[in-house]
Amino acid sequence: MINGGVGYKDVFFRVMGGGFRFGPDDFWTGFRGSIAWKFFRDLPFSLDLGLGGGYAFAKAPNEIHKALNRANGKRYVRSYNYKESLDISAEVRANIYGVFTQIGIPVHYFMKHDEPTVLWQVGYTYKF
């Protein structure tokens, strides 16, 4: 996952993206962006409040569907499961010495398929 951003004083814009690929029908990818206001920016601890949006897509093999297609000799069902979502969310992010945790509550889904109710991240950010 990669996380980058640009800010001026207390307002900043951040973009994030990442993914994994294990095979042709076994991967996930996601992208998020947010604009936020940073509180306590001159201290080692800071709190960010903002609005963000993101897109996620994932595919995973479904062995039952593959077996059903093999047994019938034709493709009746997809041989994989998928999830896809596109949302706008309210976000809160807490940082201390570069370690952060972020919680996002989706307020609107433009596209949803098994959508999450809370988005959560934890990680480390290096500033320069």
N, C-alpha and C. Protein backbone atom coordinates (compact mmCIF):
# COMPACT_ATOMS: atom_id res chain seq x y z
N MET A 1 0.84 -1.17 0.00
CA MET A 1 0.00 0.00 0.00
C MET A 1 0.89 1.23 0.00
N ILE A 2 0.47 2.24 -0.71
CA ILE A 2 1.21 3.50 -0.74
C ILE A 2 0.26 4.61 -0.34
N ASN A 3 0.81 5.57 0.40
CA ASN A 3 0.02 6.65 0.96
C ASN A 3 0.80 7.94 0.71
N GLY A 4 0.21 8.93 0.09
CA GLY A 4 0.89 10.18 -0.17
C GLY A 4 -0.06 11.35 0.00
N GLY A 5 0.49 12.50 0.29
CA GLY A 5 -0.37 13.66 0.48
C GLY A 5 0.37 14.97 0.36
N VAL A 6 -0.41 16.02 0.24
CA VAL A 6 0.10 17.37 0.14
C VAL A 6 -0.77 18.23 1.05
N GLY A 7 -0.12 19.13 1.79
CA GLY A 7 -0.89 19.98 2.69
C GLY A 7 -0.36 21.40 2.73
N TYR A 8 -1.20 22.29 3.18
CA TYR A 8 -0.82 23.66 3.42
C TYR A 8 -1.42 24.07 4.75
N LYS A 9 -0.56 24.38 5.70
CA LYS A 9 -0.96 24.70 7.08
C LYS A 9 -1.78 23.55 7.63
N ASP A 10 -3.06 23.77 7.93
CA ASP A 10 -3.86 22.73 8.57
C ASP A 10 -4.71 21.92 7.60
N VAL A 11 -4.76 22.28 6.32
CA VAL A 11 -5.59 21.57 5.34
C VAL A 11 -4.68 20.71 4.47
N PHE A 12 -5.11 19.48 4.19
CA PHE A 12 -4.29 18.62 3.34
C PHE A 12 -5.17 17.70 2.52
N PHE A 13 -4.57 17.18 1.46
CA PHE A 13 -5.20 16.20 0.57
C PHE A 13 -4.33 14.97 0.58
N ARG A 14 -4.93 13.81 0.76
CA ARG A 14 -4.18 12.55 0.83
C ARG A 14 -4.78 11.54 -0.15
N VAL A 15 -3.91 10.77 -0.80
CA VAL A 15 -4.35 9.67 -1.66
C VAL A 15 -3.66 8.40 -1.20
N MET A 16 -4.37 7.29 -1.33
CA MET A 16 -3.85 5.99 -0.92
C MET A 16 -4.25 4.97 -1.97
N GLY A 17 -3.42 3.98 -2.15
CA GLY A 17 -3.74 2.91 -3.08
C GLY A 17 -2.94 1.67 -2.75
N GLY A 18 -3.47 0.55 -3.13
CA GLY A 18 -2.75 -0.69 -2.87
C GLY A 18 -3.49 -1.88 -3.41
N GLY A 19 -2.85 -3.04 -3.28
CA GLY A 19 -3.48 -4.25 -3.76
C GLY A 19 -2.56 -5.45 -3.64
N PHE A 20 -3.14 -6.61 -3.84
CA PHE A 20 -2.42 -7.89 -3.87
C PHE A 20 -2.93 -8.69 -5.05
N ARG A 21 -2.05 -9.50 -5.63
CA ARG A 21 -2.44 -10.40 -6.71
C ARG A 21 -1.82 -11.76 -6.45
N PHE A 22 -2.68 -12.77 -6.30
CA PHE A 22 -2.22 -14.13 -6.06
C PHE A 22 -2.41 -15.02 -7.28
N GLY A 23 -3.24 -14.60 -8.21
CA GLY A 23 -3.52 -15.38 -9.42
C GLY A 23 -4.50 -14.62 -10.29
N PRO A 24 -4.91 -15.19 -11.44
CA PRO A 24 -5.80 -14.47 -12.35
C PRO A 24 -7.17 -14.15 -11.75
N ASP A 25 -7.70 -15.01 -10.90
CA ASP A 25 -8.99 -14.75 -10.25
C ASP A 25 -8.82 -14.66 -8.74
N ASP A 26 -7.72 -14.12 -8.28
CA ASP A 26 -7.47 -14.04 -6.84
C ASP A 26 -6.66 -12.78 -6.56
N PHE A 27 -7.35 -11.64 -6.39
CA PHE A 27 -6.67 -10.39 -6.14
C PHE A 27 -7.63 -9.39 -5.51
N TRP A 28 -7.07 -8.32 -4.97
CA TRP A 28 -7.86 -7.18 -4.54
C TRP A 28 -7.07 -5.91 -4.80
N THR A 29 -7.79 -4.82 -5.00
CA THR A 29 -7.17 -3.52 -5.20
C THR A 29 -8.11 -2.45 -4.66
N GLY A 30 -7.55 -1.36 -4.23
CA GLY A 30 -8.36 -0.28 -3.70
C GLY A 30 -7.64 1.05 -3.77
N PHE A 31 -8.40 2.12 -3.89
CA PHE A 31 -7.89 3.47 -3.95
C PHE A 31 -8.77 4.36 -3.09
N ARG A 32 -8.17 5.28 -2.35
CA ARG A 32 -8.92 6.23 -1.53
C ARG A 32 -8.25 7.59 -1.61
N GLY A 33 -9.04 8.61 -1.45
CA GLY A 33 -8.55 9.97 -1.37
C GLY A 33 -9.35 10.71 -0.31
N SER A 34 -8.72 11.68 0.33
CA SER A 34 -9.45 12.45 1.34
C SER A 34 -8.91 13.86 1.42
N ILE A 35 -9.75 14.74 1.87
CA ILE A 35 -9.36 16.11 2.19
C ILE A 35 -9.76 16.31 3.65
N ALA A 36 -8.83 16.86 4.44
CA ALA A 36 -9.08 16.91 5.88
C ALA A 36 -8.43 18.14 6.51
N TRP A 37 -8.85 18.39 7.72
CA TRP A 37 -8.31 19.45 8.55
C TRP A 37 -7.54 18.81 9.69
N LYS A 38 -6.30 19.25 9.90
CA LYS A 38 -5.44 18.68 10.94
C LYS A 38 -5.48 19.55 12.19
N PHE A 39 -5.74 18.93 13.33
CA PHE A 39 -5.72 19.59 14.62
C PHE A 39 -4.44 19.19 15.37
N PHE A 40 -3.86 20.11 16.12
CA PHE A 40 -2.65 19.88 16.93
C PHE A 40 -1.45 19.51 16.05
N ARG A 41 -1.29 20.16 14.91
CA ARG A 41 -0.23 19.76 13.97
C ARG A 41 1.18 20.03 14.47
N ASP A 42 1.35 20.92 15.45
CA ASP A 42 2.68 21.21 15.97
C ASP A 42 3.09 20.28 17.10
N LEU A 43 2.22 19.40 17.51
CA LEU A 43 2.51 18.44 18.58
C LEU A 43 2.85 17.07 17.99
N PRO A 44 3.44 16.17 18.76
CA PRO A 44 3.69 14.80 18.25
C PRO A 44 2.39 14.05 17.97
N PHE A 45 1.30 14.45 18.61
CA PHE A 45 0.00 13.84 18.38
C PHE A 45 -0.84 14.78 17.54
N SER A 46 -1.55 14.25 16.55
CA SER A 46 -2.47 15.08 15.77
C SER A 46 -3.73 14.29 15.47
N LEU A 47 -4.78 15.03 15.18
CA LEU A 47 -6.08 14.45 14.88
C LEU A 47 -6.56 15.08 13.58
N ASP A 48 -6.97 14.26 12.61
CA ASP A 48 -7.43 14.74 11.32
C ASP A 48 -8.91 14.41 11.17
N LEU A 49 -9.69 15.40 10.75
CA LEU A 49 -11.12 15.20 10.46
C LEU A 49 -11.37 15.62 9.03
N GLY A 50 -12.06 14.77 8.26
CA GLY A 50 -12.27 15.12 6.87
C GLY A 50 -13.30 14.27 6.16
N LEU A 51 -13.31 14.43 4.86
CA LEU A 51 -14.23 13.73 3.98
C LEU A 51 -13.40 13.00 2.93
N GLY A 52 -13.74 11.78 2.67
CA GLY A 52 -12.97 10.98 1.72
C GLY A 52 -13.85 10.18 0.79
N GLY A 53 -13.23 9.58 -0.21
CA GLY A 53 -13.93 8.72 -1.14
C GLY A 53 -13.01 7.61 -1.58
N GLY A 54 -13.60 6.49 -1.95
CA GLY A 54 -12.75 5.37 -2.34
C GLY A 54 -13.47 4.36 -3.22
N TYR A 55 -12.64 3.55 -3.88
CA TYR A 55 -13.11 2.47 -4.74
C TYR A 55 -12.34 1.21 -4.37
N ALA A 56 -13.02 0.09 -4.28
CA ALA A 56 -12.37 -1.19 -3.98
C ALA A 56 -12.96 -2.28 -4.87
N PHE A 57 -12.10 -3.21 -5.29
CA PHE A 57 -12.54 -4.35 -6.10
C PHE A 57 -11.73 -5.56 -5.67
N ALA A 58 -12.40 -6.68 -5.52
CA ALA A 58 -11.72 -7.92 -5.12
C ALA A 58 -12.36 -9.10 -5.84
N LYS A 59 -11.51 -10.07 -6.22
CA LYS A 59 -11.95 -11.33 -6.82
C LYS A 59 -11.31 -12.46 -6.05
N ALA A 60 -12.06 -13.52 -5.83
CA ALA A 60 -11.51 -14.69 -5.15
C ALA A 60 -12.11 -15.94 -5.79
N PRO A 61 -11.32 -17.00 -5.93
CA PRO A 61 -11.85 -18.22 -6.55
C PRO A 61 -12.95 -18.85 -5.71
N ASN A 62 -13.93 -19.44 -6.39
CA ASN A 62 -15.01 -20.15 -5.73
C ASN A 62 -14.93 -21.61 -6.19
N GLU A 63 -14.42 -22.47 -5.34
CA GLU A 63 -14.19 -23.87 -5.70
C GLU A 63 -15.49 -24.64 -5.96
N ILE A 64 -16.57 -24.28 -5.28
CA ILE A 64 -17.86 -24.95 -5.51
C ILE A 64 -18.36 -24.65 -6.91
N HIS A 65 -18.26 -23.40 -7.33
CA HIS A 65 -18.70 -23.04 -8.69
C HIS A 65 -17.82 -23.69 -9.74
N LYS A 66 -16.50 -23.75 -9.50
CA LYS A 66 -15.61 -24.42 -10.44
C LYS A 66 -15.97 -25.89 -10.58
N ALA A 67 -16.27 -26.56 -9.46
CA ALA A 67 -16.65 -27.98 -9.49
C ALA A 67 -17.98 -28.18 -10.23
N LEU A 68 -18.93 -27.27 -10.03
CA LEU A 68 -20.22 -27.35 -10.72
C LEU A 68 -20.03 -27.21 -12.23
N ASN A 69 -19.20 -26.26 -12.66
CA ASN A 69 -18.94 -26.09 -14.09
C ASN A 69 -18.23 -27.31 -14.67
N ARG A 70 -17.25 -27.87 -13.94
CA ARG A 70 -16.54 -29.07 -14.42
C ARG A 70 -17.50 -30.25 -14.53
N ALA A 71 -18.38 -30.42 -13.56
CA ALA A 71 -19.32 -31.56 -13.57
C ALA A 71 -20.28 -31.48 -14.74
N ASN A 72 -20.68 -30.27 -15.13
CA ASN A 72 -21.62 -30.11 -16.23
C ASN A 72 -20.95 -29.96 -17.58
N GLY A 73 -19.65 -29.76 -17.58
CA GLY A 73 -18.94 -29.60 -18.84
C GLY A 73 -19.18 -28.26 -19.51
N LYS A 74 -19.88 -27.35 -18.87
CA LYS A 74 -20.15 -26.01 -19.39
C LYS A 74 -20.03 -25.01 -18.26
N ARG A 75 -19.93 -23.75 -18.66
CA ARG A 75 -19.85 -22.69 -17.64
C ARG A 75 -21.25 -22.16 -17.37
N TYR A 76 -21.83 -22.59 -16.24
CA TYR A 76 -23.15 -22.11 -15.83
C TYR A 76 -23.06 -20.96 -14.83
N VAL A 77 -22.02 -20.94 -14.04
CA VAL A 77 -21.84 -19.90 -13.03
C VAL A 77 -20.40 -19.38 -13.09
N ARG A 78 -20.18 -18.18 -12.53
CA ARG A 78 -18.82 -17.62 -12.47
C ARG A 78 -17.95 -18.50 -11.58
N SER A 79 -16.71 -18.64 -11.94
CA SER A 79 -15.80 -19.46 -11.15
C SER A 79 -15.10 -18.66 -10.05
N TYR A 80 -15.61 -17.48 -9.77
CA TYR A 80 -15.03 -16.63 -8.73
C TYR A 80 -16.12 -15.82 -8.04
N ASN A 81 -15.81 -15.32 -6.87
CA ASN A 81 -16.64 -14.37 -6.14
C ASN A 81 -16.00 -12.99 -6.30
N TYR A 82 -16.79 -11.94 -6.19
CA TYR A 82 -16.21 -10.60 -6.26
C TYR A 82 -16.94 -9.65 -5.31
N LYS A 83 -16.24 -8.59 -4.96
CA LYS A 83 -16.80 -7.49 -4.18
C LYS A 83 -16.36 -6.19 -4.85
N GLU A 84 -17.25 -5.22 -4.87
CA GLU A 84 -16.93 -3.95 -5.49
C GLU A 84 -17.69 -2.84 -4.76
N SER A 85 -17.02 -1.73 -4.48
CA SER A 85 -17.71 -0.62 -3.82
C SER A 85 -17.08 0.71 -4.20
N LEU A 86 -17.89 1.74 -4.20
CA LEU A 86 -17.48 3.12 -4.46
C LEU A 86 -18.26 3.97 -3.47
N ASP A 87 -17.54 4.75 -2.63
CA ASP A 87 -18.22 5.43 -1.54
C ASP A 87 -17.67 6.82 -1.26
N ILE A 88 -18.44 7.58 -0.48
CA ILE A 88 -17.99 8.82 0.17
C ILE A 88 -18.12 8.56 1.66
N SER A 89 -17.10 8.96 2.43
CA SER A 89 -17.13 8.66 3.85
C SER A 89 -16.59 9.81 4.69
N ALA A 90 -17.07 9.90 5.92
CA ALA A 90 -16.52 10.81 6.92
C ALA A 90 -15.37 10.08 7.59
N GLU A 91 -14.22 10.76 7.77
CA GLU A 91 -13.02 10.09 8.26
C GLU A 91 -12.43 10.81 9.46
N VAL A 92 -11.90 10.00 10.38
CA VAL A 92 -11.16 10.48 11.55
C VAL A 92 -9.85 9.72 11.58
N ARG A 93 -8.75 10.45 11.74
CA ARG A 93 -7.43 9.82 11.75
C ARG A 93 -6.63 10.37 12.93
N ALA A 94 -6.06 9.47 13.72
CA ALA A 94 -5.22 9.86 14.86
C ALA A 94 -3.78 9.45 14.56
N ASN A 95 -2.84 10.37 14.78
CA ASN A 95 -1.41 10.14 14.51
C ASN A 95 -0.60 10.41 15.77
N ILE A 96 0.37 9.57 16.06
CA ILE A 96 1.33 9.84 17.12
C ILE A 96 2.69 9.33 16.66
N TYR A 97 3.65 10.26 16.50
CA TYR A 97 5.00 9.94 16.03
C TYR A 97 4.99 9.12 14.75
N GLY A 98 4.07 9.38 13.84
CA GLY A 98 4.02 8.70 12.56
C GLY A 98 3.12 7.48 12.51
N VAL A 99 2.81 6.89 13.65
CA VAL A 99 1.90 5.75 13.68
C VAL A 99 0.48 6.29 13.66
N PHE A 100 -0.35 5.74 12.78
CA PHE A 100 -1.71 6.25 12.67
C PHE A 100 -2.74 5.14 12.68
N THR A 101 -3.94 5.51 13.04
CA THR A 101 -5.11 4.67 12.85
C THR A 101 -6.20 5.57 12.27
N GLN A 102 -6.94 5.05 11.33
CA GLN A 102 -7.97 5.83 10.64
C GLN A 102 -9.26 5.04 10.59
N ILE A 103 -10.35 5.73 10.87
CA ILE A 103 -11.68 5.13 10.79
C ILE A 103 -12.51 5.97 9.83
N GLY A 104 -13.17 5.32 8.91
CA GLY A 104 -14.06 5.98 7.97
C GLY A 104 -15.46 5.38 8.07
N ILE A 105 -16.46 6.25 8.12
CA ILE A 105 -17.86 5.82 8.15
C ILE A 105 -18.48 6.22 6.82
N PRO A 106 -18.79 5.26 5.95
CA PRO A 106 -19.41 5.61 4.66
C PRO A 106 -20.76 6.28 4.87
N VAL A 107 -20.93 7.43 4.22
CA VAL A 107 -22.19 8.15 4.31
C VAL A 107 -23.04 7.95 3.05
N HIS A 108 -22.39 7.57 1.94
CA HIS A 108 -23.14 7.29 0.71
C HIS A 108 -22.35 6.31 -0.16
N TYR A 109 -23.05 5.32 -0.68
CA TYR A 109 -22.45 4.38 -1.63
C TYR A 109 -23.03 4.63 -3.01
N PHE A 110 -22.16 4.87 -3.99
CA PHE A 110 -22.59 4.99 -5.38
C PHE A 110 -22.72 3.60 -6.00
N MET A 111 -21.86 2.70 -5.57
CA MET A 111 -21.82 1.34 -6.07
C MET A 111 -21.55 0.45 -4.87
N LYS A 112 -22.35 -0.59 -4.69
CA LYS A 112 -22.11 -1.44 -3.53
C LYS A 112 -22.39 -2.90 -3.84
N HIS A 113 -21.57 -3.72 -3.22
CA HIS A 113 -21.71 -5.17 -3.32
C HIS A 113 -21.02 -5.72 -2.08
N ASP A 114 -21.76 -6.15 -1.10
CA ASP A 114 -21.23 -6.59 0.19
C ASP A 114 -20.38 -5.48 0.82
N GLU A 115 -20.93 -4.27 0.84
CA GLU A 115 -20.18 -3.11 1.29
C GLU A 115 -19.92 -3.14 2.79
N PRO A 116 -18.75 -2.63 3.23
CA PRO A 116 -18.46 -2.55 4.65
C PRO A 116 -19.20 -1.38 5.29
N THR A 117 -19.47 -1.47 6.59
CA THR A 117 -20.12 -0.38 7.30
C THR A 117 -19.11 0.54 7.96
N VAL A 118 -17.91 0.05 8.26
CA VAL A 118 -16.83 0.85 8.82
C VAL A 118 -15.55 0.49 8.08
N LEU A 119 -14.78 1.51 7.70
CA LEU A 119 -13.49 1.31 7.04
C LEU A 119 -12.41 1.62 8.07
N TRP A 120 -11.41 0.77 8.21
CA TRP A 120 -10.39 0.96 9.25
C TRP A 120 -9.02 0.70 8.68
N GLN A 121 -8.06 1.52 9.06
CA GLN A 121 -6.67 1.36 8.63
C GLN A 121 -5.76 1.62 9.82
N VAL A 122 -4.61 1.01 9.79
CA VAL A 122 -3.55 1.28 10.75
C VAL A 122 -2.24 1.21 9.99
N GLY A 123 -1.27 2.06 10.34
CA GLY A 123 -0.02 2.05 9.60
C GLY A 123 0.97 3.05 10.15
N TYR A 124 2.01 3.30 9.37
CA TYR A 124 3.05 4.25 9.74
C TYR A 124 3.27 5.20 8.57
N THR A 125 3.37 6.48 8.87
CA THR A 125 3.60 7.50 7.85
C THR A 125 4.89 8.23 8.15
N TYR A 126 5.73 8.35 7.14
CA TYR A 126 6.98 9.12 7.26
C TYR A 126 6.78 10.45 6.56
N LYS A 127 7.02 11.54 7.28
CA LYS A 127 6.83 12.87 6.70
C LYS A 127 8.17 13.48 6.31
N PHE A 128 8.19 14.16 5.18
CA PHE A 128 9.39 14.88 4.78
C PHE A 128 8.99 16.17 4.09
